[in-house]
mmCIF file of all heavy atoms, coordinates in Angstrom:
data_MODEL
# 
_entry.id   MODEL 
# 
loop_
_atom_site.group_PDB 
_atom_site.id 
_atom_site.type_symbol 
_atom_site.label_atom_id 
_atom_site.label_alt_id 
_atom_site.label_comp_id 
_atom_site.label_asym_id 
_atom_site.label_entity_id 
_atom_site.label_seq_id 
_atom_site.pdbx_PDB_ins_code 
_atom_site.Cartn_x 
_atom_site.Cartn_y 
_atom_site.Cartn_z 
_atom_site.occupancy 
_atom_site.B_iso_or_equiv 
_atom_site.pdbx_formal_charge 
_atom_site.auth_seq_id 
_atom_site.auth_comp_id 
_atom_site.auth_asym_id 
_atom_site.auth_atom_id 
_atom_site.pdbx_PDB_model_num 
ATOM 1   N N   . GLY A 1 1  ? 88.725  88.093 92.669  1.00 0.00 ? 1  GLY A N   1 
ATOM 2   C CA  . GLY A 1 1  ? 89.370  89.104 93.493  1.00 0.00 ? 1  GLY A CA  1 
ATOM 3   C C   . GLY A 1 1  ? 90.747  89.472 92.996  1.00 0.00 ? 1  GLY A C   1 
ATOM 4   O O   . GLY A 1 1  ? 91.554  90.024 93.743  1.00 0.00 ? 1  GLY A O   1 
ATOM 5   N N   . GLY A 1 2  ? 91.005  89.185 91.708  1.00 0.00 ? 2  GLY A N   1 
ATOM 6   C CA  . GLY A 1 2  ? 92.321  89.450 91.138  1.00 0.00 ? 2  GLY A CA  1 
ATOM 7   C C   . GLY A 1 2  ? 92.305  90.532 90.086  1.00 0.00 ? 2  GLY A C   1 
ATOM 8   O O   . GLY A 1 2  ? 91.265  91.108 89.748  1.00 0.00 ? 2  GLY A O   1 
ATOM 9   N N   . ILE A 1 3  ? 93.464  90.799 89.545  1.00 0.00 ? 3  ILE A N   1 
ATOM 10  C CA  . ILE A 1 3  ? 93.646  91.753 88.440  1.00 0.00 ? 3  ILE A CA  1 
ATOM 11  C C   . ILE A 1 3  ? 94.341  91.027 87.308  1.00 0.00 ? 3  ILE A C   1 
ATOM 12  O O   . ILE A 1 3  ? 95.378  90.371 87.512  1.00 0.00 ? 3  ILE A O   1 
ATOM 13  C CB  . ILE A 1 3  ? 94.487  92.969 88.887  1.00 0.00 ? 3  ILE A CB  1 
ATOM 14  C CG1 . ILE A 1 3  ? 93.751  93.740 90.010  1.00 0.00 ? 3  ILE A CG1 1 
ATOM 15  C CG2 . ILE A 1 3  ? 94.774  93.897 87.716  1.00 0.00 ? 3  ILE A CG2 1 
ATOM 16  C CD1 . ILE A 1 3  ? 94.568  94.868 90.589  1.00 0.00 ? 3  ILE A CD1 1 
ATOM 17  N N   . TRP A 1 4  ? 93.778  91.123 86.089  1.00 0.00 ? 4  TRP A N   1 
ATOM 18  C CA  . TRP A 1 4  ? 94.357  90.466 84.925  1.00 0.00 ? 4  TRP A CA  1 
ATOM 19  C C   . TRP A 1 4  ? 95.481  91.317 84.355  1.00 0.00 ? 4  TRP A C   1 
ATOM 20  O O   . TRP A 1 4  ? 95.274  92.494 84.060  1.00 0.00 ? 4  TRP A O   1 
ATOM 21  C CB  . TRP A 1 4  ? 93.294  90.233 83.877  1.00 0.00 ? 4  TRP A CB  1 
ATOM 22  C CG  . TRP A 1 4  ? 93.782  89.545 82.641  1.00 0.00 ? 4  TRP A CG  1 
ATOM 23  C CD1 . TRP A 1 4  ? 93.934  90.060 81.405  1.00 0.00 ? 4  TRP A CD1 1 
ATOM 24  C CD2 . TRP A 1 4  ? 94.180  88.170 82.543  1.00 0.00 ? 4  TRP A CD2 1 
ATOM 25  N NE1 . TRP A 1 4  ? 94.404  89.114 80.537  1.00 0.00 ? 4  TRP A NE1 1 
ATOM 26  C CE2 . TRP A 1 4  ? 94.572  87.941 81.213  1.00 0.00 ? 4  TRP A CE2 1 
ATOM 27  C CE3 . TRP A 1 4  ? 94.266  87.118 83.456  1.00 0.00 ? 4  TRP A CE3 1 
ATOM 28  C CZ2 . TRP A 1 4  ? 95.035  86.713 80.775  1.00 0.00 ? 4  TRP A CZ2 1 
ATOM 29  C CZ3 . TRP A 1 4  ? 94.711  85.898 83.016  1.00 0.00 ? 4  TRP A CZ3 1 
ATOM 30  C CH2 . TRP A 1 4  ? 95.094  85.689 81.703  1.00 0.00 ? 4  TRP A CH2 1 
ATOM 31  N N   . ASP A 1 5  ? 96.690  90.711 84.238  1.00 0.00 ? 5  ASP A N   1 
ATOM 32  C CA  . ASP A 1 5  ? 97.835  91.503 83.740  1.00 0.00 ? 5  ASP A CA  1 
ATOM 33  C C   . ASP A 1 5  ? 98.182  91.168 82.290  1.00 0.00 ? 5  ASP A C   1 
ATOM 34  O O   . ASP A 1 5  ? 99.211  91.578 81.774  1.00 0.00 ? 5  ASP A O   1 
ATOM 35  C CB  . ASP A 1 5  ? 99.051  91.287 84.637  1.00 0.00 ? 5  ASP A CB  1 
ATOM 36  C CG  . ASP A 1 5  ? 99.645  89.885 84.542  1.00 0.00 ? 5  ASP A CG  1 
ATOM 37  O OD1 . ASP A 1 5  ? 99.128  89.059 83.752  1.00 0.00 ? 5  ASP A OD1 1 
ATOM 38  O OD2 . ASP A 1 5  ? 100.627 89.597 85.260  1.00 0.00 ? 5  ASP A OD2 1 
ATOM 39  N N   . GLY A 1 6  ? 97.304  90.422 81.639  1.00 0.00 ? 6  GLY A N   1 
ATOM 40  C CA  . GLY A 1 6  ? 97.552  90.025 80.251  1.00 0.00 ? 6  GLY A CA  1 
ATOM 41  C C   . GLY A 1 6  ? 98.073  88.613 80.113  1.00 0.00 ? 6  GLY A C   1 
ATOM 42  O O   . GLY A 1 6  ? 97.969  88.012 79.063  1.00 0.00 ? 6  GLY A O   1 
ATOM 43  N N   . GLN A 1 7  ? 98.612  88.087 81.207  1.00 0.00 ? 7  GLN A N   1 
ATOM 44  C CA  . GLN A 1 7  ? 99.095  86.708 81.222  1.00 0.00 ? 7  GLN A CA  1 
ATOM 45  C C   . GLN A 1 7  ? 98.567  85.931 82.414  1.00 0.00 ? 7  GLN A C   1 
ATOM 46  O O   . GLN A 1 7  ? 98.252  84.755 82.293  1.00 0.00 ? 7  GLN A O   1 
ATOM 47  C CB  . GLN A 1 7  ? 100.631 86.702 81.241  1.00 0.00 ? 7  GLN A CB  1 
ATOM 48  C CG  . GLN A 1 7  ? 101.233 85.299 81.183  1.00 0.00 ? 7  GLN A CG  1 
ATOM 49  C CD  . GLN A 1 7  ? 102.748 85.313 81.146  1.00 0.00 ? 7  GLN A CD  1 
ATOM 50  O OE1 . GLN A 1 7  ? 103.367 86.381 81.273  1.00 0.00 ? 7  GLN A OE1 1 
ATOM 51  N NE2 . GLN A 1 7  ? 103.354 84.159 80.963  1.00 0.00 ? 7  GLN A NE2 1 
ATOM 52  N N   . TYR A 1 8  ? 98.476  86.583 83.546  1.00 0.00 ? 8  TYR A N   1 
ATOM 53  C CA  . TYR A 1 8  ? 98.026  85.938 84.772  1.00 0.00 ? 8  TYR A CA  1 
ATOM 54  C C   . TYR A 1 8  ? 96.948  86.767 85.445  1.00 0.00 ? 8  TYR A C   1 
ATOM 55  O O   . TYR A 1 8  ? 96.901  87.996 85.361  1.00 0.00 ? 8  TYR A O   1 
ATOM 56  C CB  . TYR A 1 8  ? 99.183  85.787 85.776  1.00 0.00 ? 8  TYR A CB  1 
ATOM 57  C CG  . TYR A 1 8  ? 100.230 84.785 85.386  1.00 0.00 ? 8  TYR A CG  1 
ATOM 58  C CD1 . TYR A 1 8  ? 101.438 85.203 84.827  1.00 0.00 ? 8  TYR A CD1 1 
ATOM 59  C CD2 . TYR A 1 8  ? 100.042 83.417 85.616  1.00 0.00 ? 8  TYR A CD2 1 
ATOM 60  C CE1 . TYR A 1 8  ? 102.419 84.285 84.482  1.00 0.00 ? 8  TYR A CE1 1 
ATOM 61  C CE2 . TYR A 1 8  ? 101.006 82.507 85.271  1.00 0.00 ? 8  TYR A CE2 1 
ATOM 62  C CZ  . TYR A 1 8  ? 102.199 82.915 84.712  1.00 0.00 ? 8  TYR A CZ  1 
ATOM 63  O OH  . TYR A 1 8  ? 103.181 82.009 84.379  1.00 0.00 ? 8  TYR A OH  1 
ATOM 64  N N   . CYS A 1 9  ? 96.103  86.063 86.194  1.00 0.00 ? 9  CYS A N   1 
ATOM 65  C CA  . CYS A 1 9  ? 95.215  86.702 87.141  1.00 0.00 ? 9  CYS A CA  1 
ATOM 66  C C   . CYS A 1 9  ? 95.982  86.754 88.460  1.00 0.00 ? 9  CYS A C   1 
ATOM 67  O O   . CYS A 1 9  ? 96.376  85.707 89.008  1.00 0.00 ? 9  CYS A O   1 
ATOM 68  C CB  . CYS A 1 9  ? 93.936  85.881 87.319  1.00 0.00 ? 9  CYS A CB  1 
ATOM 69  S SG  . CYS A 1 9  ? 92.769  86.597 88.483  1.00 0.00 ? 9  CYS A SG  1 
ATOM 70  N N   . ARG A 1 10 ? 96.211  87.958 88.983  1.00 0.00 ? 10 ARG A N   1 
ATOM 71  C CA  . ARG A 1 10 ? 97.079  88.138 90.152  1.00 0.00 ? 10 ARG A CA  1 
ATOM 72  C C   . ARG A 1 10 ? 96.292  88.713 91.321  1.00 0.00 ? 10 ARG A C   1 
ATOM 73  O O   . ARG A 1 10 ? 95.425  89.560 91.164  1.00 0.00 ? 10 ARG A O   1 
ATOM 74  C CB  . ARG A 1 10 ? 98.227  89.093 89.814  1.00 0.00 ? 10 ARG A CB  1 
ATOM 75  C CG  . ARG A 1 10 ? 99.265  88.528 88.876  1.00 0.00 ? 10 ARG A CG  1 
ATOM 76  C CD  . ARG A 1 10 ? 100.343 89.563 88.603  1.00 0.00 ? 10 ARG A CD  1 
ATOM 77  N NE  . ARG A 1 10 ? 101.436 89.054 87.820  1.00 0.00 ? 10 ARG A NE  1 
ATOM 78  C CZ  . ARG A 1 10 ? 102.526 88.482 88.300  1.00 0.00 ? 10 ARG A CZ  1 
ATOM 79  N NH1 . ARG A 1 10 ? 102.683 88.392 89.599  1.00 0.00 ? 10 ARG A NH1 1 
ATOM 80  N NH2 . ARG A 1 10 ? 103.483 88.038 87.512  1.00 0.00 ? 10 ARG A NH2 1 
ATOM 81  N N   . THR A 1 11 ? 96.638  88.225 92.506  1.00 0.00 ? 11 THR A N   1 
ATOM 82  C CA  . THR A 1 11 ? 96.115  88.786 93.734  1.00 0.00 ? 11 THR A CA  1 
ATOM 83  C C   . THR A 1 11 ? 97.128  88.526 94.837  1.00 0.00 ? 11 THR A C   1 
ATOM 84  O O   . THR A 1 11 ? 97.996  87.645 94.705  1.00 0.00 ? 11 THR A O   1 
ATOM 85  C CB  . THR A 1 11 ? 94.748  88.199 94.104  1.00 0.00 ? 11 THR A CB  1 
ATOM 86  O OG1 . THR A 1 11 ? 94.226  88.888 95.241  1.00 0.00 ? 11 THR A OG1 1 
ATOM 87  C CG2 . THR A 1 11 ? 94.840  86.714 94.398  1.00 0.00 ? 11 THR A CG2 1 
ATOM 88  N N   . THR A 1 12 ? 97.042  89.290 95.907  1.00 0.00 ? 12 THR A N   1 
ATOM 89  C CA  . THR A 1 12 ? 97.932  89.073 97.052  1.00 0.00 ? 12 THR A CA  1 
ATOM 90  C C   . THR A 1 12 ? 97.107  89.022 98.316  1.00 0.00 ? 12 THR A C   1 
ATOM 91  O O   . THR A 1 12 ? 95.989  89.561 98.392  1.00 0.00 ? 12 THR A O   1 
ATOM 92  C CB  . THR A 1 12 ? 98.989  90.196 97.175  1.00 0.00 ? 12 THR A CB  1 
ATOM 93  O OG1 . THR A 1 12 ? 98.317  91.456 97.321  1.00 0.00 ? 12 THR A OG1 1 
ATOM 94  C CG2 . THR A 1 12 ? 99.902  90.231 95.968  1.00 0.00 ? 12 THR A CG2 1 
ATOM 95  N N   . VAL A 1 13 ? 97.646  88.349 99.305  1.00 0.00 ? 13 VAL A N   1 
ATOM 96  C CA  . VAL A 1 13 ? 97.025  88.244 100.616 1.00 0.00 ? 13 VAL A CA  1 
ATOM 97  C C   . VAL A 1 13 ? 98.062  88.603 101.673 1.00 0.00 ? 13 VAL A C   1 
ATOM 98  O O   . VAL A 1 13 ? 99.196  88.096 101.609 1.00 0.00 ? 13 VAL A O   1 
ATOM 99  C CB  . VAL A 1 13 ? 96.486  86.814 100.886 1.00 0.00 ? 13 VAL A CB  1 
ATOM 100 C CG1 . VAL A 1 13 ? 95.855  86.734 102.255 1.00 0.00 ? 13 VAL A CG1 1 
ATOM 101 C CG2 . VAL A 1 13 ? 95.497  86.412 99.812  1.00 0.00 ? 13 VAL A CG2 1 
ATOM 102 N N   . THR A 1 14 ? 97.690  89.442 102.599 1.00 0.00 ? 14 THR A N   1 
ATOM 103 C CA  . THR A 1 14 ? 98.576  89.779 103.722 1.00 0.00 ? 14 THR A CA  1 
ATOM 104 C C   . THR A 1 14 ? 98.034  89.084 104.968 1.00 0.00 ? 14 THR A C   1 
ATOM 105 O O   . THR A 1 14 ? 96.875  89.231 105.332 1.00 0.00 ? 14 THR A O   1 
ATOM 106 C CB  . THR A 1 14 ? 98.625  91.304 103.951 1.00 0.00 ? 14 THR A CB  1 
ATOM 107 O OG1 . THR A 1 14 ? 99.067  91.935 102.760 1.00 0.00 ? 14 THR A OG1 1 
ATOM 108 C CG2 . THR A 1 14 ? 99.571  91.639 105.098 1.00 0.00 ? 14 THR A CG2 1 
ATOM 109 N N   . SER A 1 15 ? 98.914  88.318 105.613 1.00 0.00 ? 15 SER A N   1 
ATOM 110 C CA  . SER A 1 15 ? 98.487  87.520 106.759 1.00 0.00 ? 15 SER A CA  1 
ATOM 111 C C   . SER A 1 15 ? 98.412  88.351 108.022 1.00 0.00 ? 15 SER A C   1 
ATOM 112 O O   . SER A 1 15 ? 98.816  89.521 108.064 1.00 0.00 ? 15 SER A O   1 
ATOM 113 C CB  . SER A 1 15 ? 99.446  86.347 106.970 1.00 0.00 ? 15 SER A CB  1 
ATOM 114 O OG  . SER A 1 15 ? 100.668 86.804 107.551 1.00 0.00 ? 15 SER A OG  1 
ATOM 115 N N   . GLU A 1 16 ? 97.932  87.723 109.075 1.00 0.00 ? 16 GLU A N   1 
ATOM 116 C CA  . GLU A 1 16 ? 97.870  88.367 110.381 1.00 0.00 ? 16 GLU A CA  1 
ATOM 117 C C   . GLU A 1 16 ? 99.264  88.745 110.882 1.00 0.00 ? 16 GLU A C   1 
ATOM 118 O O   . GLU A 1 16 ? 99.419  89.668 111.684 1.00 0.00 ? 16 GLU A O   1 
ATOM 119 C CB  . GLU A 1 16 ? 97.185  87.447 111.385 1.00 0.00 ? 16 GLU A CB  1 
ATOM 120 C CG  . GLU A 1 16 ? 95.767  87.041 110.978 1.00 0.00 ? 16 GLU A CG  1 
ATOM 121 C CD  . GLU A 1 16 ? 95.271  85.818 111.703 1.00 0.00 ? 16 GLU A CD  1 
ATOM 122 O OE1 . GLU A 1 16 ? 96.097  85.150 112.388 1.00 0.00 ? 16 GLU A OE1 1 
ATOM 123 O OE2 . GLU A 1 16 ? 94.064  85.523 111.609 1.00 0.00 ? 16 GLU A OE2 1 
ATOM 124 N N   . ARG A 1 17 ? 100.273 88.025 110.384 1.00 0.00 ? 17 ARG A N   1 
ATOM 125 C CA  . ARG A 1 17 ? 101.669 88.295 110.779 1.00 0.00 ? 17 ARG A CA  1 
ATOM 126 C C   . ARG A 1 17 ? 102.390 89.165 109.751 1.00 0.00 ? 17 ARG A C   1 
ATOM 127 O O   . ARG A 1 17 ? 103.612 89.263 109.753 1.00 0.00 ? 17 ARG A O   1 
ATOM 128 C CB  . ARG A 1 17 ? 102.417 86.951 110.937 1.00 0.00 ? 17 ARG A CB  1 
ATOM 129 C CG  . ARG A 1 17 ? 101.801 86.003 111.965 1.00 0.00 ? 17 ARG A CG  1 
ATOM 130 C CD  . ARG A 1 17 ? 102.017 86.451 113.384 1.00 0.00 ? 17 ARG A CD  1 
ATOM 131 N NE  . ARG A 1 17 ? 103.439 86.411 113.721 1.00 0.00 ? 17 ARG A NE  1 
ATOM 132 C CZ  . ARG A 1 17 ? 104.044 85.310 114.180 1.00 0.00 ? 17 ARG A CZ  1 
ATOM 133 N NH1 . ARG A 1 17 ? 103.368 84.184 114.374 1.00 0.00 ? 17 ARG A NH1 1 
ATOM 134 N NH2 . ARG A 1 17 ? 105.333 85.326 114.469 1.00 0.00 ? 17 ARG A NH2 1 
ATOM 135 N N   . LYS A 1 18 ? 101.607 89.769 108.852 1.00 0.00 ? 18 LYS A N   1 
ATOM 136 C CA  . LYS A 1 18 ? 102.133 90.687 107.836 1.00 0.00 ? 18 LYS A CA  1 
ATOM 137 C C   . LYS A 1 18 ? 102.985 89.979 106.764 1.00 0.00 ? 18 LYS A C   1 
ATOM 138 O O   . LYS A 1 18 ? 103.779 90.630 106.079 1.00 0.00 ? 18 LYS A O   1 
ATOM 139 C CB  . LYS A 1 18 ? 102.954 91.827 108.455 1.00 0.00 ? 18 LYS A CB  1 
ATOM 140 C CG  . LYS A 1 18 ? 102.206 92.601 109.527 1.00 0.00 ? 18 LYS A CG  1 
ATOM 141 C CD  . LYS A 1 18 ? 100.894 93.171 108.981 1.00 0.00 ? 18 LYS A CD  1 
ATOM 142 C CE  . LYS A 1 18 ? 100.150 93.955 110.064 1.00 0.00 ? 18 LYS A CE  1 
ATOM 143 N NZ  . LYS A 1 18 ? 98.815  94.424 109.587 1.00 0.00 ? 18 LYS A NZ  1 
ATOM 144 N N   . ALA A 1 19 ? 102.807 88.681 106.620 1.00 0.00 ? 19 ALA A N   1 
ATOM 145 C CA  . ALA A 1 19 ? 103.459 87.952 105.525 1.00 0.00 ? 19 ALA A CA  1 
ATOM 146 C C   . ALA A 1 19 ? 102.594 88.088 104.258 1.00 0.00 ? 19 ALA A C   1 
ATOM 147 O O   . ALA A 1 19 ? 101.359 88.080 104.339 1.00 0.00 ? 19 ALA A O   1 
ATOM 148 C CB  . ALA A 1 19 ? 103.643 86.483 105.895 1.00 0.00 ? 19 ALA A CB  1 
ATOM 149 N N   . ILE A 1 20 ? 103.243 88.191 103.138 1.00 0.00 ? 20 ILE A N   1 
ATOM 150 C CA  . ILE A 1 20 ? 102.532 88.397 101.874 1.00 0.00 ? 20 ILE A CA  1 
ATOM 151 C C   . ILE A 1 20 ? 102.547 87.103 101.051 1.00 0.00 ? 20 ILE A C   1 
ATOM 152 O O   . ILE A 1 20 ? 103.613 86.500 100.839 1.00 0.00 ? 20 ILE A O   1 
ATOM 153 C CB  . ILE A 1 20 ? 103.173 89.544 101.062 1.00 0.00 ? 20 ILE A CB  1 
ATOM 154 C CG1 . ILE A 1 20 ? 103.030 90.856 101.831 1.00 0.00 ? 20 ILE A CG1 1 
ATOM 155 C CG2 . ILE A 1 20 ? 102.514 89.646 99.690  1.00 0.00 ? 20 ILE A CG2 1 
ATOM 156 C CD1 . ILE A 1 20 ? 103.740 92.009 101.181 1.00 0.00 ? 20 ILE A CD1 1 
ATOM 157 N N   . ARG A 1 21 ? 101.404 86.714 100.609 1.00 0.00 ? 21 ARG A N   1 
ATOM 158 C CA  . ARG A 1 21 ? 101.295 85.594 99.667  1.00 0.00 ? 21 ARG A CA  1 
ATOM 159 C C   . ARG A 1 21 ? 100.928 86.149 98.300  1.00 0.00 ? 21 ARG A C   1 
ATOM 160 O O   . ARG A 1 21 ? 99.888  86.803 98.138  1.00 0.00 ? 21 ARG A O   1 
ATOM 161 C CB  . ARG A 1 21 ? 100.264 84.583 100.126 1.00 0.00 ? 21 ARG A CB  1 
ATOM 162 C CG  . ARG A 1 21 ? 99.828  83.646 99.006  1.00 0.00 ? 21 ARG A CG  1 
ATOM 163 C CD  . ARG A 1 21 ? 99.219  82.372 99.538  1.00 0.00 ? 21 ARG A CD  1 
ATOM 164 N NE  . ARG A 1 21 ? 100.213 81.565 100.229 1.00 0.00 ? 21 ARG A NE  1 
ATOM 165 C CZ  . ARG A 1 21 ? 99.949  80.386 100.781 1.00 0.00 ? 21 ARG A CZ  1 
ATOM 166 N NH1 . ARG A 1 21 ? 98.738  79.905 100.733 1.00 0.00 ? 21 ARG A NH1 1 
ATOM 167 N NH2 . ARG A 1 21 ? 100.915 79.715 101.376 1.00 0.00 ? 21 ARG A NH2 1 
ATOM 168 N N   . ASP A 1 22 ? 101.769 85.841 97.300  1.00 0.00 ? 22 ASP A N   1 
ATOM 169 C CA  . ASP A 1 22 ? 101.503 86.241 95.923  1.00 0.00 ? 22 ASP A CA  1 
ATOM 170 C C   . ASP A 1 22 ? 100.832 85.080 95.205  1.00 0.00 ? 22 ASP A C   1 
ATOM 171 O O   . ASP A 1 22 ? 101.352 83.961 95.209  1.00 0.00 ? 22 ASP A O   1 
ATOM 172 C CB  . ASP A 1 22 ? 102.808 86.620 95.231  1.00 0.00 ? 22 ASP A CB  1 
ATOM 173 C CG  . ASP A 1 22 ? 102.566 87.052 93.803  1.00 0.00 ? 22 ASP A CG  1 
ATOM 174 O OD1 . ASP A 1 22 ? 101.846 88.035 93.597  1.00 0.00 ? 22 ASP A OD1 1 
ATOM 175 O OD2 . ASP A 1 22 ? 103.109 86.402 92.891  1.00 0.00 ? 22 ASP A OD2 1 
ATOM 176 N N   . ILE A 1 23 ? 99.692  85.326 94.621  1.00 0.00 ? 23 ILE A N   1 
ATOM 177 C CA  . ILE A 1 23 ? 98.922  84.296 93.911  1.00 0.00 ? 23 ILE A CA  1 
ATOM 178 C C   . ILE A 1 23 ? 98.756  84.702 92.477  1.00 0.00 ? 23 ILE A C   1 
ATOM 179 O O   . ILE A 1 23 ? 98.333  85.848 92.187  1.00 0.00 ? 23 ILE A O   1 
ATOM 180 C CB  . ILE A 1 23 ? 97.541  84.077 94.557  1.00 0.00 ? 23 ILE A CB  1 
ATOM 181 C CG1 . ILE A 1 23 ? 97.675  83.609 96.012  1.00 0.00 ? 23 ILE A CG1 1 
ATOM 182 C CG2 . ILE A 1 23 ? 96.728  83.097 93.748  1.00 0.00 ? 23 ILE A CG2 1 
ATOM 183 C CD1 . ILE A 1 23 ? 96.359  83.614 96.778  1.00 0.00 ? 23 ILE A CD1 1 
ATOM 184 N N   . LYS A 1 24 ? 99.107  83.826 91.548  1.00 0.00 ? 24 LYS A N   1 
ATOM 185 C CA  . LYS A 1 24 ? 98.858  84.125 90.131  1.00 0.00 ? 24 LYS A CA  1 
ATOM 186 C C   . LYS A 1 24 ? 98.508  82.839 89.402  1.00 0.00 ? 24 LYS A C   1 
ATOM 187 O O   . LYS A 1 24 ? 99.102  81.788 89.623  1.00 0.00 ? 24 LYS A O   1 
ATOM 188 C CB  . LYS A 1 24 ? 100.067 84.804 89.491  1.00 0.00 ? 24 LYS A CB  1 
ATOM 189 C CG  . LYS A 1 24 ? 101.344 83.972 89.403  1.00 0.00 ? 24 LYS A CG  1 
ATOM 190 C CD  . LYS A 1 24 ? 102.435 84.772 88.685  1.00 0.00 ? 24 LYS A CD  1 
ATOM 191 C CE  . LYS A 1 24 ? 103.677 83.928 88.443  1.00 0.00 ? 24 LYS A CE  1 
ATOM 192 N NZ  . LYS A 1 24 ? 104.727 84.693 87.699  1.00 0.00 ? 24 LYS A NZ  1 
ATOM 193 N N   . ILE A 1 25 ? 97.493  82.930 88.555  1.00 0.00 ? 25 ILE A N   1 
ATOM 194 C CA  . ILE A 1 25 ? 97.045  81.779 87.778  1.00 0.00 ? 25 ILE A CA  1 
ATOM 195 C C   . ILE A 1 25 ? 96.819  82.201 86.325  1.00 0.00 ? 25 ILE A C   1 
ATOM 196 O O   . ILE A 1 25 ? 96.274  83.261 86.063  1.00 0.00 ? 25 ILE A O   1 
ATOM 197 C CB  . ILE A 1 25 ? 95.764  81.144 88.351  1.00 0.00 ? 25 ILE A CB  1 
ATOM 198 C CG1 . ILE A 1 25 ? 94.622  82.174 88.405  1.00 0.00 ? 25 ILE A CG1 1 
ATOM 199 C CG2 . ILE A 1 25 ? 95.994  80.516 89.719  1.00 0.00 ? 25 ILE A CG2 1 
ATOM 200 C CD1 . ILE A 1 25 ? 93.266  81.556 88.657  1.00 0.00 ? 25 ILE A CD1 1 
ATOM 201 N N   . ALA A 1 26 ? 97.275  81.355 85.436  1.00 0.00 ? 26 ALA A N   1 
ATOM 202 C CA  . ALA A 1 26 ? 96.953  81.532 84.019  1.00 0.00 ? 26 ALA A CA  1 
ATOM 203 C C   . ALA A 1 26 ? 95.559  80.956 83.771  1.00 0.00 ? 26 ALA A C   1 
ATOM 204 O O   . ALA A 1 26 ? 95.171  79.952 84.389  1.00 0.00 ? 26 ALA A O   1 
ATOM 205 C CB  . ALA A 1 26 ? 97.994  80.823 83.150  1.00 0.00 ? 26 ALA A CB  1 
# 
């Protein structure tokens, strides 16, 4: 469910309280 940016696989999640979690993995 991510997008490859050339270095990391990135995705974000927005919580029920509108908080954003940034996830990235090499």
